[in-house]
Amino acid sequence: MRLWLAAVGRSRGGPTRDLFDEYVGRLSWPFTLKEVEVKKRLSSDELKRQEAELLLAAVPAGAIVVALDERGKALPSETFAAKIGDWRDRGAGDLAFLIGGADGHGDAVRARADFLLAFGPMTWPHMLVRGMLAEQLYRAQQILAGHPYHRS
């Protein structure tokens, strides 16, 4: 199974990028980051619509799509791992995670998403969410492998 992250915004160096790189480097699943950006000043609705188009264009055809969204479902790590394991065991070739811009996801992303995932009700910086997602993917990998990295 190949993992994809399509995210609005360009990552620069620094602690949040280091965190992301640390956990992506630990993954045994192939991982691809696609960064997208709309450079025009637009209304919030138009910006979300254009960002949604770019995010969805970065996703491989047939991928399982998980949109990180504040209105999504917050899962314990074990449940998140089980969901990934289920998709893997059903033969999913590509699993794509989408992180929207400052105004959130456009309707097209929510409509296409197979699952909406939240990291709780708080608002997190988008670059930090990348690192949090990478760590949870690594944790899921270790849970599925029966490795003691995850202790409850």
N, C-alpha and C. Protein backbone atom coordinates (compact mmCIF):
# COMPACT_ATOMS: atom_id res chain seq x y z
N MET A 1 0.84 -1.18 0.00
CA MET A 1 0.00 0.00 0.00
C MET A 1 0.88 1.24 0.00
N ARG A 2 0.53 2.19 -0.84
CA ARG A 2 1.25 3.45 -0.93
C ARG A 2 0.47 4.54 -0.20
N LEU A 3 1.17 5.37 0.55
CA LEU A 3 0.55 6.49 1.27
C LEU A 3 0.85 7.78 0.54
N TRP A 4 -0.15 8.65 0.51
CA TRP A 4 -0.04 9.95 -0.13
C TRP A 4 -0.51 11.01 0.85
N LEU A 5 0.12 12.16 0.83
CA LEU A 5 -0.38 13.32 1.55
C LEU A 5 -0.44 14.46 0.56
N ALA A 6 -1.65 14.96 0.32
CA ALA A 6 -1.84 16.17 -0.48
C ALA A 6 -2.21 17.27 0.50
N ALA A 7 -1.43 18.34 0.50
CA ALA A 7 -1.62 19.39 1.50
C ALA A 7 -1.49 20.76 0.87
N VAL A 8 -2.31 21.68 1.36
CA VAL A 8 -2.23 23.07 0.91
C VAL A 8 -1.08 23.74 1.65
N GLY A 9 -0.25 24.45 0.90
CA GLY A 9 0.85 25.19 1.49
C GLY A 9 2.18 24.51 1.28
N ARG A 10 3.22 25.30 1.30
CA ARG A 10 4.59 24.81 1.12
C ARG A 10 5.29 24.75 2.47
N SER A 11 5.89 23.63 2.74
CA SER A 11 6.62 23.45 3.99
C SER A 11 8.01 24.06 3.87
N ARG A 12 8.39 24.73 4.92
CA ARG A 12 9.75 25.27 5.00
C ARG A 12 10.49 24.50 6.08
N GLY A 13 11.76 24.69 6.18
CA GLY A 13 12.53 24.02 7.21
C GLY A 13 12.11 24.48 8.60
N GLY A 14 12.51 23.73 9.59
CA GLY A 14 12.20 24.10 10.96
C GLY A 14 11.66 22.90 11.73
N PRO A 15 11.26 23.13 12.98
CA PRO A 15 10.86 22.01 13.84
C PRO A 15 9.68 21.19 13.32
N THR A 16 8.69 21.85 12.74
CA THR A 16 7.53 21.07 12.26
C THR A 16 7.92 20.21 11.06
N ARG A 17 8.78 20.72 10.21
CA ARG A 17 9.25 19.92 9.07
C ARG A 17 10.14 18.78 9.55
N ASP A 18 10.96 19.05 10.55
CA ASP A 18 11.82 18.01 11.12
C ASP A 18 10.97 16.87 11.71
N LEU A 19 9.91 17.24 12.43
CA LEU A 19 9.01 16.23 13.01
C LEU A 19 8.39 15.37 11.92
N PHE A 20 7.88 16.01 10.88
CA PHE A 20 7.28 15.31 9.75
C PHE A 20 8.31 14.36 9.12
N ASP A 21 9.48 14.88 8.81
CA ASP A 21 10.51 14.07 8.16
C ASP A 21 10.94 12.89 9.02
N GLU A 22 11.03 13.10 10.33
CA GLU A 22 11.42 12.03 11.25
C GLU A 22 10.48 10.83 11.12
N TYR A 23 9.18 11.07 11.17
CA TYR A 23 8.23 9.96 11.16
C TYR A 23 8.01 9.40 9.76
N VAL A 24 8.04 10.23 8.74
CA VAL A 24 7.94 9.70 7.37
C VAL A 24 9.12 8.79 7.09
N GLY A 25 10.28 9.15 7.59
CA GLY A 25 11.48 8.33 7.40
C GLY A 25 11.40 6.97 8.06
N ARG A 26 10.55 6.84 9.05
CA ARG A 26 10.37 5.56 9.75
C ARG A 26 9.35 4.64 9.08
N LEU A 27 8.56 5.18 8.17
CA LEU A 27 7.51 4.37 7.55
C LEU A 27 8.09 3.34 6.58
N SER A 28 7.53 2.15 6.60
CA SER A 28 7.92 1.15 5.61
C SER A 28 7.04 1.24 4.37
N TRP A 29 5.87 1.84 4.50
CA TRP A 29 5.01 2.05 3.33
C TRP A 29 5.59 3.19 2.50
N PRO A 30 5.58 3.09 1.19
CA PRO A 30 6.03 4.22 0.36
C PRO A 30 5.14 5.44 0.64
N PHE A 31 5.75 6.61 0.72
CA PHE A 31 5.04 7.83 1.09
C PHE A 31 5.40 8.94 0.12
N THR A 32 4.37 9.64 -0.39
CA THR A 32 4.57 10.75 -1.31
C THR A 32 3.84 11.98 -0.78
N LEU A 33 4.53 13.10 -0.72
CA LEU A 33 3.94 14.38 -0.33
C LEU A 33 3.72 15.21 -1.59
N LYS A 34 2.50 15.70 -1.76
CA LYS A 34 2.16 16.62 -2.85
C LYS A 34 1.67 17.91 -2.22
N GLU A 35 2.40 18.99 -2.43
CA GLU A 35 2.00 20.29 -1.90
C GLU A 35 1.36 21.11 -3.00
N VAL A 36 0.24 21.75 -2.67
CA VAL A 36 -0.48 22.57 -3.65
C VAL A 36 -0.69 23.96 -3.07
N GLU A 37 -0.87 24.93 -3.95
CA GLU A 37 -1.02 26.30 -3.50
C GLU A 37 -1.79 27.09 -4.54
N VAL A 38 -2.69 27.94 -4.09
CA VAL A 38 -3.37 28.92 -4.93
C VAL A 38 -2.75 30.26 -4.56
N LYS A 39 -2.18 30.94 -5.53
CA LYS A 39 -1.43 32.16 -5.23
C LYS A 39 -2.27 33.44 -5.40
N LYS A 40 -3.52 33.30 -5.82
CA LYS A 40 -4.36 34.48 -6.03
C LYS A 40 -5.14 34.82 -4.77
N ARG A 41 -5.46 36.09 -4.61
CA ARG A 41 -6.36 36.50 -3.52
C ARG A 41 -7.79 36.24 -4.00
N LEU A 42 -8.49 35.40 -3.27
CA LEU A 42 -9.85 35.02 -3.65
C LEU A 42 -10.75 35.04 -2.43
N SER A 43 -12.04 35.05 -2.67
CA SER A 43 -12.97 34.90 -1.55
C SER A 43 -12.75 33.53 -0.93
N SER A 44 -13.17 33.39 0.31
CA SER A 44 -12.97 32.12 1.02
C SER A 44 -13.58 30.95 0.26
N ASP A 45 -14.80 31.11 -0.23
CA ASP A 45 -15.47 30.01 -0.93
C ASP A 45 -14.74 29.64 -2.22
N GLU A 46 -14.30 30.64 -2.98
CA GLU A 46 -13.59 30.37 -4.23
C GLU A 46 -12.21 29.76 -3.95
N LEU A 47 -11.56 30.24 -2.90
CA LEU A 47 -10.26 29.68 -2.53
C LEU A 47 -10.41 28.20 -2.16
N LYS A 48 -11.39 27.88 -1.34
CA LYS A 48 -11.62 26.47 -0.95
C LYS A 48 -11.95 25.62 -2.17
N ARG A 49 -12.72 26.17 -3.10
CA ARG A 49 -13.07 25.42 -4.31
C ARG A 49 -11.83 25.11 -5.13
N GLN A 50 -10.97 26.11 -5.33
CA GLN A 50 -9.76 25.90 -6.13
C GLN A 50 -8.77 24.98 -5.41
N GLU A 51 -8.63 25.15 -4.10
CA GLU A 51 -7.75 24.25 -3.35
C GLU A 51 -8.26 22.82 -3.42
N ALA A 52 -9.57 22.65 -3.35
CA ALA A 52 -10.15 21.30 -3.45
C ALA A 52 -9.80 20.67 -4.79
N GLU A 53 -9.89 21.44 -5.86
CA GLU A 53 -9.54 20.92 -7.19
C GLU A 53 -8.09 20.45 -7.22
N LEU A 54 -7.19 21.28 -6.68
CA LEU A 54 -5.76 20.93 -6.68
C LEU A 54 -5.48 19.70 -5.81
N LEU A 55 -6.10 19.64 -4.63
CA LEU A 55 -5.90 18.48 -3.76
C LEU A 55 -6.38 17.20 -4.42
N LEU A 56 -7.57 17.25 -4.99
CA LEU A 56 -8.12 16.04 -5.61
C LEU A 56 -7.33 15.62 -6.85
N ALA A 57 -6.78 16.59 -7.56
CA ALA A 57 -5.95 16.27 -8.73
C ALA A 57 -4.64 15.59 -8.32
N ALA A 58 -4.21 15.79 -7.07
CA ALA A 58 -2.97 15.19 -6.58
C ALA A 58 -3.16 13.76 -6.08
N VAL A 59 -4.39 13.31 -6.04
CA VAL A 59 -4.71 11.98 -5.52
C VAL A 59 -4.75 10.96 -6.66
N PRO A 60 -4.10 9.82 -6.51
CA PRO A 60 -4.15 8.80 -7.56
C PRO A 60 -5.58 8.28 -7.75
N ALA A 61 -5.92 7.95 -8.98
CA ALA A 61 -7.24 7.38 -9.27
C ALA A 61 -7.44 6.11 -8.47
N GLY A 62 -8.60 5.95 -7.88
CA GLY A 62 -8.92 4.75 -7.14
C GLY A 62 -8.43 4.73 -5.70
N ALA A 63 -7.77 5.80 -5.25
CA ALA A 63 -7.24 5.84 -3.88
C ALA A 63 -8.38 5.95 -2.87
N ILE A 64 -8.14 5.39 -1.70
CA ILE A 64 -8.99 5.67 -0.54
C ILE A 64 -8.59 7.07 -0.09
N VAL A 65 -9.56 7.96 0.10
CA VAL A 65 -9.28 9.35 0.47
C VAL A 65 -9.76 9.61 1.89
N VAL A 66 -8.82 10.12 2.71
CA VAL A 66 -9.11 10.51 4.08
C VAL A 66 -8.83 12.01 4.18
N ALA A 67 -9.89 12.78 4.43
CA ALA A 67 -9.72 14.23 4.58
C ALA A 67 -9.62 14.57 6.06
N LEU A 68 -8.57 15.29 6.43
CA LEU A 68 -8.46 15.77 7.80
C LEU A 68 -9.33 16.99 7.92
N ASP A 69 -10.33 16.90 8.80
CA ASP A 69 -11.38 17.91 8.86
C ASP A 69 -11.89 18.02 10.29
N GLU A 70 -12.06 19.24 10.76
CA GLU A 70 -12.51 19.44 12.14
C GLU A 70 -13.89 18.82 12.40
N ARG A 71 -14.66 18.61 11.35
CA ARG A 71 -15.98 17.98 11.52
C ARG A 71 -15.92 16.46 11.39
N GLY A 72 -14.71 15.94 11.23
CA GLY A 72 -14.52 14.50 11.09
C GLY A 72 -14.61 13.78 12.42
N LYS A 73 -14.28 12.51 12.37
CA LYS A 73 -14.34 11.65 13.55
C LYS A 73 -12.95 11.52 14.16
N ALA A 74 -12.87 11.74 15.46
CA ALA A 74 -11.62 11.54 16.19
C ALA A 74 -11.55 10.07 16.61
N LEU A 75 -10.45 9.42 16.32
CA LEU A 75 -10.30 7.99 16.60
C LEU A 75 -9.15 7.74 17.56
N PRO A 76 -9.30 6.74 18.44
CA PRO A 76 -8.12 6.28 19.18
C PRO A 76 -7.11 5.68 18.19
N SER A 77 -5.85 5.69 18.55
CA SER A 77 -4.80 5.19 17.65
C SER A 77 -5.05 3.75 17.22
N GLU A 78 -5.52 2.91 18.12
CA GLU A 78 -5.78 1.50 17.79
C GLU A 78 -6.86 1.38 16.72
N THR A 79 -7.91 2.21 16.82
CA THR A 79 -8.99 2.18 15.84
C THR A 79 -8.51 2.70 14.49
N PHE A 80 -7.69 3.76 14.52
CA PHE A 80 -7.10 4.30 13.29
C PHE A 80 -6.26 3.23 12.60
N ALA A 81 -5.44 2.54 13.38
CA ALA A 81 -4.60 1.47 12.83
C ALA A 81 -5.46 0.36 12.24
N ALA A 82 -6.52 -0.02 12.94
CA ALA A 82 -7.40 -1.09 12.45
C ALA A 82 -8.06 -0.68 11.14
N LYS A 83 -8.44 0.59 11.01
CA LYS A 83 -9.06 1.09 9.77
C LYS A 83 -8.07 1.01 8.63
N ILE A 84 -6.84 1.42 8.88
CA ILE A 84 -5.79 1.34 7.84
C ILE A 84 -5.54 -0.13 7.48
N GLY A 85 -5.46 -0.99 8.49
CA GLY A 85 -5.25 -2.42 8.24
C GLY A 85 -6.38 -3.02 7.42
N ASP A 86 -7.61 -2.59 7.69
CA ASP A 86 -8.75 -3.08 6.94
C ASP A 86 -8.67 -2.66 5.47
N TRP A 87 -8.34 -1.38 5.23
CA TRP A 87 -8.19 -0.91 3.85
C TRP A 87 -7.08 -1.68 3.15
N ARG A 88 -5.96 -1.86 3.85
CA ARG A 88 -4.83 -2.61 3.29
C ARG A 88 -5.25 -4.04 2.95
N ASP A 89 -5.93 -4.69 3.89
CA ASP A 89 -6.32 -6.09 3.70
C ASP A 89 -7.36 -6.26 2.61
N ARG A 90 -8.11 -5.21 2.32
CA ARG A 90 -9.10 -5.26 1.23
C ARG A 90 -8.47 -4.94 -0.12
N GLY A 91 -7.16 -4.71 -0.11
CA GLY A 91 -6.44 -4.52 -1.36
C GLY A 91 -6.28 -3.09 -1.82
N ALA A 92 -6.46 -2.12 -0.92
CA ALA A 92 -6.25 -0.72 -1.31
C ALA A 92 -4.80 -0.54 -1.73
N GLY A 93 -4.61 -0.03 -2.94
CA GLY A 93 -3.26 0.22 -3.42
C GLY A 93 -2.73 1.56 -2.96
N ASP A 94 -3.64 2.53 -2.83
CA ASP A 94 -3.25 3.88 -2.46
C ASP A 94 -4.18 4.42 -1.39
N LEU A 95 -3.60 5.03 -0.37
CA LEU A 95 -4.34 5.67 0.71
C LEU A 95 -3.86 7.11 0.76
N ALA A 96 -4.78 8.04 0.48
CA ALA A 96 -4.41 9.46 0.37
C ALA A 96 -5.06 10.27 1.48
N PHE A 97 -4.25 11.08 2.15
CA PHE A 97 -4.71 11.97 3.19
C PHE A 97 -4.66 13.39 2.64
N LEU A 98 -5.70 14.18 2.93
CA LEU A 98 -5.78 15.55 2.42
C LEU A 98 -5.85 16.53 3.57
N ILE A 99 -5.00 17.55 3.54
CA ILE A 99 -5.01 18.62 4.52
C ILE A 99 -5.31 19.91 3.76
N GLY A 100 -6.40 20.56 4.13
CA GLY A 100 -6.84 21.77 3.45
C GLY A 100 -6.08 23.00 3.91
N GLY A 101 -6.51 24.14 3.40
CA GLY A 101 -5.90 25.42 3.74
C GLY A 101 -6.52 26.02 5.00
N ALA A 102 -6.21 27.27 5.23
CA ALA A 102 -6.64 27.97 6.45
C ALA A 102 -8.17 28.05 6.56
N ASP A 103 -8.86 28.04 5.44
CA ASP A 103 -10.33 28.13 5.47
C ASP A 103 -11.00 26.77 5.47
N GLY A 104 -10.22 25.70 5.49
CA GLY A 104 -10.79 24.36 5.50
C GLY A 104 -10.94 23.78 4.11
N HIS A 105 -11.64 22.66 4.04
CA HIS A 105 -11.83 21.96 2.77
C HIS A 105 -13.04 22.49 2.01
N GLY A 106 -12.92 22.44 0.69
CA GLY A 106 -14.06 22.73 -0.16
C GLY A 106 -15.01 21.55 -0.18
N ASP A 107 -16.23 21.79 -0.61
CA ASP A 107 -17.26 20.75 -0.63
C ASP A 107 -16.85 19.53 -1.45
N ALA A 108 -16.10 19.75 -2.52
CA ALA A 108 -15.71 18.63 -3.40
C ALA A 108 -14.83 17.63 -2.65
N VAL A 109 -14.00 18.10 -1.74
CA VAL A 109 -13.15 17.19 -0.97
C VAL A 109 -14.01 16.34 -0.04
N ARG A 110 -14.92 17.00 0.68
CA ARG A 110 -15.78 16.24 1.60
C ARG A 110 -16.64 15.22 0.83
N ALA A 111 -17.09 15.61 -0.34
CA ALA A 111 -17.92 14.70 -1.14
C ALA A 111 -17.11 13.49 -1.63
N ARG A 112 -15.85 13.69 -1.96
CA ARG A 112 -15.00 12.61 -2.47
C ARG A 112 -14.42 11.74 -1.36
N ALA A 113 -14.27 12.29 -0.18
CA ALA A 113 -13.60 11.58 0.90
C ALA A 113 -14.33 10.30 1.29
N ASP A 114 -13.55 9.26 1.50
CA ASP A 114 -14.09 8.00 2.02
C ASP A 114 -14.22 8.06 3.53
N PHE A 115 -13.45 8.96 4.15
CA PHE A 115 -13.49 9.11 5.61
C PHE A 115 -13.04 10.51 5.97
N LEU A 116 -13.72 11.13 6.95
CA LEU A 116 -13.31 12.42 7.49
C LEU A 116 -12.70 12.16 8.86
N LEU A 117 -11.44 12.57 9.03
CA LEU A 117 -10.70 12.33 10.26
C LEU A 117 -10.40 13.64 10.95
N ALA A 118 -10.62 13.69 12.27
CA ALA A 118 -10.29 14.88 13.06
C ALA A 118 -9.24 14.51 14.09
N PHE A 119 -8.37 15.45 14.37
CA PHE A 119 -7.41 15.32 15.47
C PHE A 119 -7.96 16.09 16.67
N GLY A 120 -9.23 15.87 16.98
CA GLY A 120 -9.88 16.52 18.10
C GLY A 120 -10.52 17.83 17.70
N PRO A 121 -11.21 18.46 18.65
CA PRO A 121 -11.94 19.69 18.33
C PRO A 121 -11.07 20.95 18.27
N MET A 122 -9.82 20.87 18.70
CA MET A 122 -8.96 22.05 18.65
C MET A 122 -8.49 22.32 17.23
N THR A 123 -8.12 23.57 16.97
CA THR A 123 -7.53 23.96 15.70
C THR A 123 -6.02 23.83 15.84
N TRP A 124 -5.39 23.15 14.87
CA TRP A 124 -3.94 22.93 14.88
C TRP A 124 -3.30 23.63 13.69
N PRO A 125 -2.07 24.12 13.84
CA PRO A 125 -1.36 24.67 12.69
C PRO A 125 -1.21 23.59 11.61
N HIS A 126 -1.43 23.96 10.37
CA HIS A 126 -1.43 22.97 9.29
C HIS A 126 -0.11 22.22 9.16
N MET A 127 1.00 22.90 9.38
CA MET A 127 2.29 22.23 9.27
C MET A 127 2.51 21.26 10.44
N LEU A 128 1.98 21.59 11.60
CA LEU A 128 2.07 20.67 12.73
C LEU A 128 1.20 19.43 12.49
N VAL A 129 0.06 19.61 11.85
CA VAL A 129 -0.82 18.48 11.53
C VAL A 129 -0.09 17.47 10.65
N ARG A 130 0.75 17.94 9.76
CA ARG A 130 1.53 17.01 8.93
C ARG A 130 2.37 16.09 9.80
N GLY A 131 3.05 16.66 10.78
CA GLY A 131 3.87 15.86 11.68
C GLY A 131 3.04 14.93 12.54
N MET A 132 1.90 15.42 13.01
CA MET A 132 1.01 14.58 13.82
C MET A 132 0.49 13.41 13.00
N LEU A 133 0.12 13.67 11.75
CA LEU A 133 -0.36 12.61 10.88
C LEU A 133 0.75 11.59 10.62
N ALA A 134 1.96 12.07 10.32
CA ALA A 134 3.06 11.15 10.05
C ALA A 134 3.33 10.27 11.26
N GLU A 135 3.28 10.84 12.47
CA GLU A 135 3.50 10.04 13.68
C GLU A 135 2.39 9.00 13.84
N GLN A 136 1.15 9.38 13.60
CA GLN A 136 0.04 8.43 13.75
C GLN A 136 0.10 7.33 12.69
N LEU A 137 0.58 7.65 11.50
CA LEU A 137 0.76 6.62 10.49
C LEU A 137 1.85 5.64 10.91
N TYR A 138 2.94 6.17 11.45
CA TYR A 138 4.00 5.30 11.96
C TYR A 138 3.48 4.45 13.12
N ARG A 139 2.73 5.07 14.02
CA ARG A 139 2.16 4.34 15.15
C ARG A 139 1.22 3.23 14.64
N ALA A 140 0.41 3.54 13.65
CA ALA A 140 -0.49 2.53 13.08
C ALA A 140 0.30 1.38 12.48
N GLN A 141 1.36 1.70 11.76
CA GLN A 141 2.23 0.66 11.20
C GLN A 141 2.77 -0.24 12.29
N GLN A 142 3.20 0.36 13.40
CA GLN A 142 3.77 -0.42 14.50
C GLN A 142 2.69 -1.24 15.23
N ILE A 143 1.51 -0.68 15.40
CA ILE A 143 0.40 -1.43 16.00
C ILE A 143 0.08 -2.65 15.15
N LEU A 144 -0.03 -2.44 13.84
CA LEU A 144 -0.38 -3.54 12.93
C LEU A 144 0.71 -4.61 12.91
N ALA A 145 1.95 -4.22 13.18
CA ALA A 145 3.07 -5.17 13.19
C ALA A 145 3.25 -5.84 14.55
N GLY A 146 2.45 -5.39 15.56
CA GLY A 146 2.59 -5.96 16.89
C GLY A 146 3.83 -5.46 17.62
N HIS A 147 4.38 -4.34 17.18
CA HIS A 147 5.59 -3.78 17.77
C HIS A 147 5.23 -3.02 19.05
N PRO A 148 6.12 -3.02 20.05
CA PRO A 148 5.80 -2.35 21.32
C PRO A 148 5.89 -0.83 21.30
N TYR A 149 6.12 -0.20 20.16
CA TYR A 149 6.16 1.28 20.10
C TYR A 149 4.90 1.86 20.74
N HIS A 150 3.76 1.26 20.45
CA HIS A 150 2.50 1.76 21.01
C HIS A 150 2.17 0.98 22.27
N ARG A 151 2.05 1.69 23.34
CA ARG A 151 1.64 1.06 24.60
C ARG A 151 0.39 1.76 25.09
N SER A 152 -0.63 0.98 25.47
CA SER A 152 -1.82 1.63 26.00
C SER A 152 -1.89 1.47 27.49
